[in-house]
Amino acid sequence: MTLALLTGHQYMSLETFKRTGQGIRTPIWFAADSAAPLDSPSAKLYIYTIDDTGKVKRIRNSDKVRVAPCDSRGKLLGEWADARAAIVTGDEAALGMRLLNKKYFPLKQILALFASFSSRKRVIIAIQPV
């Protein structure tokens, strides 16, 4: 499967894995990098989250993830695709945030305003097919 299964969707279910192998699913916003089509092996998606969440801890332990289209409550709307995830920084993180800001305008900017009052650090995660 390729990441093309997410085309046209606003949410994806991100499944990360505990050390025991148990999968934990989270519905999340995502944005695709237009530098590569979603059906190519070089496709890349970006998500953002708080740095101390369970999904970040699990990704730091293992880059193995699965993604599938879903609704805002996590109800699956399609098949799963295997992928790998990595926390990114610098220019790549800035690109990911720009793509997310563009896709989810203006809601993302409103949420970012409220988040600016929090001391919790945010991270950008890149997801690529395996």
N, C-alpha and C. Protein backbone atom coordinates (compact mmCIF):
# COMPACT_ATOMS: atom_id res chain seq x y z
N MET A 1 0.84 -1.20 0.00
CA MET A 1 0.00 0.00 0.00
C MET A 1 0.88 1.25 0.00
N THR A 2 0.38 2.28 -0.64
CA THR A 2 1.08 3.56 -0.65
C THR A 2 0.29 4.56 0.19
N LEU A 3 0.86 5.72 0.39
CA LEU A 3 0.18 6.77 1.14
C LEU A 3 -0.94 7.42 0.34
N ALA A 4 -1.10 7.02 -0.93
CA ALA A 4 -2.16 7.58 -1.77
C ALA A 4 -3.55 7.30 -1.20
N LEU A 5 -3.67 6.31 -0.34
CA LEU A 5 -4.97 6.01 0.26
C LEU A 5 -5.48 7.16 1.14
N LEU A 6 -4.62 8.13 1.44
CA LEU A 6 -5.02 9.28 2.25
C LEU A 6 -5.47 10.47 1.41
N THR A 7 -5.37 10.37 0.09
CA THR A 7 -5.74 11.47 -0.79
C THR A 7 -7.18 11.89 -0.54
N GLY A 8 -7.37 13.20 -0.35
CA GLY A 8 -8.71 13.76 -0.16
C GLY A 8 -9.23 13.68 1.26
N HIS A 9 -8.46 13.14 2.18
CA HIS A 9 -8.92 13.01 3.58
C HIS A 9 -8.32 14.11 4.46
N GLN A 10 -9.06 14.47 5.49
CA GLN A 10 -8.61 15.48 6.44
C GLN A 10 -7.92 14.87 7.65
N TYR A 11 -8.24 13.64 7.97
CA TYR A 11 -7.68 12.96 9.14
C TYR A 11 -7.10 11.62 8.74
N MET A 12 -6.09 11.22 9.49
CA MET A 12 -5.59 9.87 9.34
C MET A 12 -5.47 9.25 10.73
N SER A 13 -5.62 7.95 10.76
CA SER A 13 -5.37 7.21 11.99
C SER A 13 -3.90 6.83 11.96
N LEU A 14 -3.18 7.23 13.00
CA LEU A 14 -1.77 6.90 13.13
C LEU A 14 -1.66 5.81 14.19
N GLU A 15 -1.15 4.66 13.79
CA GLU A 15 -0.97 3.57 14.74
C GLU A 15 0.52 3.46 15.06
N THR A 16 0.85 3.68 16.33
CA THR A 16 2.21 3.50 16.83
C THR A 16 2.20 2.27 17.73
N PHE A 17 3.39 1.77 18.03
CA PHE A 17 3.46 0.48 18.72
C PHE A 17 4.24 0.55 20.02
N LYS A 18 3.64 -0.04 21.07
CA LYS A 18 4.32 -0.18 22.35
C LYS A 18 5.43 -1.21 22.22
N ARG A 19 6.29 -1.27 23.22
CA ARG A 19 7.37 -2.27 23.21
C ARG A 19 6.82 -3.69 23.16
N THR A 20 5.61 -3.88 23.67
CA THR A 20 4.99 -5.21 23.66
C THR A 20 4.45 -5.58 22.29
N GLY A 21 4.41 -4.62 21.37
CA GLY A 21 3.85 -4.86 20.05
C GLY A 21 2.41 -4.41 19.91
N GLN A 22 1.78 -4.02 21.03
CA GLN A 22 0.40 -3.55 20.99
C GLN A 22 0.33 -2.22 20.25
N GLY A 23 -0.59 -2.13 19.29
CA GLY A 23 -0.78 -0.91 18.53
C GLY A 23 -1.73 0.05 19.23
N ILE A 24 -1.40 1.33 19.17
CA ILE A 24 -2.24 2.40 19.72
C ILE A 24 -2.58 3.34 18.58
N ARG A 25 -3.86 3.55 18.34
CA ARG A 25 -4.33 4.38 17.22
C ARG A 25 -4.76 5.76 17.69
N THR A 26 -4.40 6.77 16.89
CA THR A 26 -4.74 8.16 17.19
C THR A 26 -5.18 8.85 15.91
N PRO A 27 -6.38 9.46 15.89
CA PRO A 27 -6.75 10.28 14.73
C PRO A 27 -5.97 11.59 14.80
N ILE A 28 -5.45 12.02 13.66
CA ILE A 28 -4.59 13.20 13.66
C ILE A 28 -4.64 13.90 12.31
N TRP A 29 -4.40 15.22 12.34
CA TRP A 29 -4.26 15.98 11.11
C TRP A 29 -2.93 15.62 10.45
N PHE A 30 -2.89 15.76 9.14
CA PHE A 30 -1.65 15.51 8.40
C PHE A 30 -1.62 16.38 7.16
N ALA A 31 -0.44 16.62 6.66
CA ALA A 31 -0.27 17.35 5.40
C ALA A 31 0.81 16.64 4.59
N ALA A 32 0.58 16.58 3.29
CA ALA A 32 1.52 15.91 2.40
C ALA A 32 2.47 16.91 1.76
N ASP A 33 3.71 16.50 1.60
CA ASP A 33 4.70 17.29 0.88
C ASP A 33 4.44 17.08 -0.62
N SER A 34 4.21 18.16 -1.34
CA SER A 34 3.89 18.04 -2.77
C SER A 34 5.11 17.74 -3.63
N ALA A 35 6.30 17.66 -3.03
CA ALA A 35 7.51 17.35 -3.80
C ALA A 35 7.48 15.95 -4.39
N ALA A 36 6.67 15.06 -3.79
CA ALA A 36 6.57 13.69 -4.32
C ALA A 36 5.11 13.25 -4.22
N PRO A 37 4.58 12.62 -5.27
CA PRO A 37 3.20 12.14 -5.22
C PRO A 37 3.01 11.10 -4.12
N LEU A 38 1.82 11.03 -3.56
CA LEU A 38 1.54 10.11 -2.47
C LEU A 38 1.66 8.64 -2.86
N ASP A 39 1.62 8.34 -4.16
CA ASP A 39 1.75 6.95 -4.58
C ASP A 39 3.20 6.56 -4.87
N SER A 40 4.14 7.45 -4.55
CA SER A 40 5.55 7.14 -4.79
C SER A 40 6.25 6.73 -3.50
N PRO A 41 7.34 5.99 -3.61
CA PRO A 41 8.08 5.57 -2.41
C PRO A 41 8.73 6.74 -1.67
N SER A 42 8.85 7.89 -2.32
CA SER A 42 9.46 9.05 -1.66
C SER A 42 8.41 10.02 -1.08
N ALA A 43 7.16 9.60 -1.06
CA ALA A 43 6.09 10.44 -0.48
C ALA A 43 6.39 10.73 0.98
N LYS A 44 5.92 11.88 1.44
CA LYS A 44 6.17 12.24 2.83
C LYS A 44 4.98 13.02 3.38
N LEU A 45 4.56 12.64 4.58
CA LEU A 45 3.49 13.33 5.31
C LEU A 45 4.09 13.96 6.55
N TYR A 46 3.43 15.01 7.03
CA TYR A 46 3.86 15.65 8.27
C TYR A 46 2.68 15.73 9.23
N ILE A 47 2.99 15.54 10.51
CA ILE A 47 2.02 15.74 11.58
C ILE A 47 2.72 16.55 12.66
N TYR A 48 1.94 17.13 13.58
CA TYR A 48 2.56 17.77 14.72
C TYR A 48 1.81 17.37 15.98
N THR A 49 2.52 17.40 17.09
CA THR A 49 1.95 17.00 18.36
C THR A 49 2.81 17.55 19.49
N ILE A 50 2.38 17.33 20.71
CA ILE A 50 3.14 17.73 21.89
C ILE A 50 4.27 16.72 22.10
N ASP A 51 5.43 17.20 22.53
CA ASP A 51 6.61 16.33 22.60
C ASP A 51 6.56 15.25 23.67
N ASP A 52 5.67 15.36 24.65
CA ASP A 52 5.63 14.34 25.70
C ASP A 52 4.43 13.39 25.60
N THR A 53 3.82 13.33 24.42
CA THR A 53 2.69 12.42 24.23
C THR A 53 3.18 10.99 24.07
N GLY A 54 2.27 10.06 24.28
CA GLY A 54 2.60 8.65 24.12
C GLY A 54 3.08 8.32 22.72
N LYS A 55 2.46 8.91 21.70
CA LYS A 55 2.87 8.58 20.33
C LYS A 55 4.31 9.00 20.06
N VAL A 56 4.73 10.12 20.62
CA VAL A 56 6.11 10.56 20.44
C VAL A 56 7.06 9.60 21.15
N LYS A 57 6.71 9.20 22.35
CA LYS A 57 7.54 8.25 23.09
C LYS A 57 7.66 6.93 22.33
N ARG A 58 6.53 6.47 21.77
CA ARG A 58 6.56 5.21 21.02
C ARG A 58 7.37 5.34 19.73
N ILE A 59 7.28 6.49 19.05
CA ILE A 59 8.06 6.71 17.82
C ILE A 59 9.54 6.79 18.14
N ARG A 60 9.89 7.38 19.27
CA ARG A 60 11.31 7.41 19.67
C ARG A 60 11.83 6.00 19.92
N ASN A 61 10.97 5.10 20.35
CA ASN A 61 11.36 3.72 20.62
C ASN A 61 11.41 2.89 19.33
N SER A 62 10.46 3.11 18.43
CA SER A 62 10.40 2.37 17.17
C SER A 62 9.77 3.25 16.10
N ASP A 63 10.40 3.32 14.93
CA ASP A 63 9.87 4.16 13.86
C ASP A 63 8.75 3.47 13.06
N LYS A 64 8.42 2.24 13.42
CA LYS A 64 7.37 1.49 12.71
C LYS A 64 6.00 2.08 13.07
N VAL A 65 5.23 2.48 12.03
CA VAL A 65 3.86 2.97 12.21
C VAL A 65 2.99 2.44 11.09
N ARG A 66 1.69 2.59 11.25
CA ARG A 66 0.73 2.33 10.17
C ARG A 66 -0.19 3.54 10.09
N VAL A 67 -0.69 3.83 8.89
CA VAL A 67 -1.61 4.95 8.69
C VAL A 67 -2.80 4.48 7.87
N ALA A 68 -3.95 5.10 8.13
CA ALA A 68 -5.17 4.81 7.38
C ALA A 68 -6.05 6.05 7.43
N PRO A 69 -6.86 6.28 6.41
CA PRO A 69 -7.78 7.40 6.47
C PRO A 69 -8.84 7.15 7.54
N CYS A 70 -9.27 8.22 8.21
CA CYS A 70 -10.29 8.09 9.24
C CYS A 70 -11.05 9.41 9.37
N ASP A 71 -12.09 9.39 10.20
CA ASP A 71 -12.80 10.64 10.51
C ASP A 71 -12.19 11.24 11.77
N SER A 72 -12.73 12.36 12.24
CA SER A 72 -12.16 13.07 13.39
C SER A 72 -12.22 12.26 14.68
N ARG A 73 -13.07 11.26 14.72
CA ARG A 73 -13.18 10.42 15.92
C ARG A 73 -12.38 9.12 15.82
N GLY A 74 -11.72 8.94 14.67
CA GLY A 74 -10.88 7.76 14.50
C GLY A 74 -11.54 6.59 13.79
N LYS A 75 -12.79 6.76 13.32
CA LYS A 75 -13.45 5.69 12.58
C LYS A 75 -12.74 5.50 11.24
N LEU A 76 -12.27 4.29 11.01
CA LEU A 76 -11.50 4.02 9.79
C LEU A 76 -12.37 4.18 8.54
N LEU A 77 -11.77 4.78 7.51
CA LEU A 77 -12.46 5.00 6.24
C LEU A 77 -11.73 4.33 5.08
N GLY A 78 -10.78 3.47 5.38
CA GLY A 78 -10.01 2.81 4.33
C GLY A 78 -9.01 1.84 4.92
N GLU A 79 -8.13 1.39 4.06
CA GLU A 79 -7.13 0.38 4.42
C GLU A 79 -5.92 1.00 5.12
N TRP A 80 -5.12 0.14 5.73
CA TRP A 80 -3.89 0.55 6.40
C TRP A 80 -2.71 0.49 5.42
N ALA A 81 -1.72 1.36 5.67
CA ALA A 81 -0.45 1.32 4.95
C ALA A 81 0.68 1.35 5.98
N ASP A 82 1.67 0.50 5.78
CA ASP A 82 2.84 0.51 6.65
C ASP A 82 3.71 1.70 6.31
N ALA A 83 4.31 2.27 7.35
CA ALA A 83 5.15 3.45 7.15
C ALA A 83 6.19 3.51 8.27
N ARG A 84 7.06 4.50 8.15
CA ARG A 84 8.01 4.76 9.23
C ARG A 84 7.91 6.24 9.58
N ALA A 85 8.19 6.55 10.83
CA ALA A 85 8.06 7.92 11.32
C ALA A 85 9.36 8.39 11.94
N ALA A 86 9.62 9.69 11.81
CA ALA A 86 10.82 10.27 12.41
C ALA A 86 10.51 11.69 12.87
N ILE A 87 11.01 12.04 14.02
CA ILE A 87 10.88 13.41 14.51
C ILE A 87 11.88 14.25 13.74
N VAL A 88 11.41 15.36 13.17
CA VAL A 88 12.28 16.21 12.35
C VAL A 88 12.42 17.58 13.00
N THR A 89 13.50 18.26 12.63
CA THR A 89 13.79 19.59 13.18
C THR A 89 14.23 20.51 12.04
N GLY A 90 14.52 21.74 12.38
CA GLY A 90 15.09 22.69 11.42
C GLY A 90 14.19 22.98 10.24
N ASP A 91 14.80 23.03 9.06
CA ASP A 91 14.08 23.40 7.84
C ASP A 91 12.96 22.42 7.52
N GLU A 92 13.21 21.14 7.76
CA GLU A 92 12.16 20.16 7.46
C GLU A 92 10.96 20.33 8.38
N ALA A 93 11.20 20.62 9.65
CA ALA A 93 10.10 20.86 10.58
C ALA A 93 9.33 22.12 10.17
N ALA A 94 10.05 23.15 9.76
CA ALA A 94 9.40 24.38 9.31
C ALA A 94 8.53 24.12 8.08
N LEU A 95 9.02 23.31 7.15
CA LEU A 95 8.23 22.94 5.97
C LEU A 95 6.96 22.21 6.40
N GLY A 96 7.10 21.23 7.28
CA GLY A 96 5.94 20.49 7.75
C GLY A 96 4.90 21.40 8.38
N MET A 97 5.34 22.35 9.20
CA MET A 97 4.39 23.27 9.84
C MET A 97 3.72 24.18 8.81
N ARG A 98 4.47 24.64 7.81
CA ARG A 98 3.87 25.46 6.75
C ARG A 98 2.78 24.68 6.00
N LEU A 99 3.07 23.42 5.69
CA LEU A 99 2.09 22.59 4.97
C LEU A 99 0.83 22.38 5.82
N LEU A 100 1.01 22.12 7.11
CA LEU A 100 -0.14 21.94 8.01
C LEU A 100 -0.93 23.23 8.15
N ASN A 101 -0.23 24.36 8.28
CA ASN A 101 -0.91 25.65 8.38
C ASN A 101 -1.74 25.94 7.14
N LYS A 102 -1.21 25.62 5.98
CA LYS A 102 -1.92 25.87 4.72
C LYS A 102 -3.15 24.96 4.61
N LYS A 103 -2.98 23.68 4.90
CA LYS A 103 -4.08 22.72 4.74
C LYS A 103 -5.23 23.00 5.71
N TYR A 104 -4.91 23.38 6.93
CA TYR A 104 -5.95 23.51 7.96
C TYR A 104 -6.24 24.96 8.33
N PHE A 105 -5.96 25.89 7.42
CA PHE A 105 -6.28 27.30 7.62
C PHE A 105 -7.79 27.48 7.67
N PRO A 106 -8.34 28.26 8.57
CA PRO A 106 -7.75 29.04 9.65
C PRO A 106 -7.75 28.33 11.01
N LEU A 107 -8.35 27.13 11.08
CA LEU A 107 -8.48 26.46 12.36
C LEU A 107 -7.12 26.21 13.03
N LYS A 108 -6.13 25.82 12.24
CA LYS A 108 -4.80 25.57 12.80
C LYS A 108 -4.22 26.82 13.44
N GLN A 109 -4.43 27.98 12.82
CA GLN A 109 -3.89 29.22 13.35
C GLN A 109 -4.60 29.62 14.65
N ILE A 110 -5.89 29.35 14.72
CA ILE A 110 -6.64 29.65 15.95
C ILE A 110 -6.13 28.77 17.09
N LEU A 111 -5.96 27.49 16.81
CA LEU A 111 -5.44 26.58 17.83
C LEU A 111 -4.01 26.95 18.23
N ALA A 112 -3.21 27.41 17.27
CA ALA A 112 -1.83 27.81 17.57
C ALA A 112 -1.80 29.01 18.51
N LEU A 113 -2.78 29.90 18.35
CA LEU A 113 -2.86 31.06 19.25
C LEU A 113 -3.05 30.60 20.68
N PHE A 114 -3.99 29.69 20.90
CA PHE A 114 -4.22 29.18 22.25
C PHE A 114 -3.01 28.40 22.75
N ALA A 115 -2.36 27.65 21.86
CA ALA A 115 -1.19 26.87 22.25
C ALA A 115 -0.02 27.75 22.65
N SER A 116 0.01 28.98 22.13
CA SER A 116 1.12 29.88 22.46
C SER A 116 1.14 30.25 23.95
N PHE A 117 0.03 30.05 24.64
CA PHE A 117 -0.03 30.33 26.07
C PHE A 117 0.47 29.15 26.91
N SER A 118 0.80 28.07 26.25
CA SER A 118 1.27 26.86 26.94
C SER A 118 2.79 26.76 26.82
N SER A 119 3.40 26.17 27.81
CA SER A 119 4.85 25.98 27.77
C SER A 119 5.23 24.63 27.15
N ARG A 120 4.22 23.86 26.75
CA ARG A 120 4.50 22.53 26.19
C ARG A 120 5.10 22.66 24.80
N LYS A 121 6.15 21.92 24.55
CA LYS A 121 6.87 21.96 23.29
C LYS A 121 6.16 21.09 22.24
N ARG A 122 6.13 21.57 21.02
CA ARG A 122 5.56 20.82 19.92
C ARG A 122 6.66 20.23 19.05
N VAL A 123 6.36 19.09 18.44
CA VAL A 123 7.31 18.45 17.54
C VAL A 123 6.61 18.14 16.22
N ILE A 124 7.40 18.11 15.18
CA ILE A 124 6.92 17.73 13.85
C ILE A 124 7.45 16.34 13.55
N ILE A 125 6.59 15.52 13.02
CA ILE A 125 6.95 14.14 12.68
C ILE A 125 6.72 13.93 11.18
N ALA A 126 7.72 13.38 10.52
CA ALA A 126 7.61 13.03 9.10
C ALA A 126 7.30 11.55 9.00
N ILE A 127 6.40 11.23 8.08
CA ILE A 127 5.99 9.84 7.87
C ILE A 127 6.21 9.50 6.40
N GLN A 128 6.88 8.36 6.16
CA GLN A 128 7.15 7.90 4.81
C GLN A 128 6.75 6.44 4.66
N PRO A 129 6.36 6.04 3.45
CA PRO A 129 5.99 4.62 3.24
C PRO A 129 7.22 3.73 3.35
N VAL A 130 6.96 2.45 3.67
CA VAL A 130 8.08 1.49 3.70
C VAL A 130 8.04 0.62 2.47
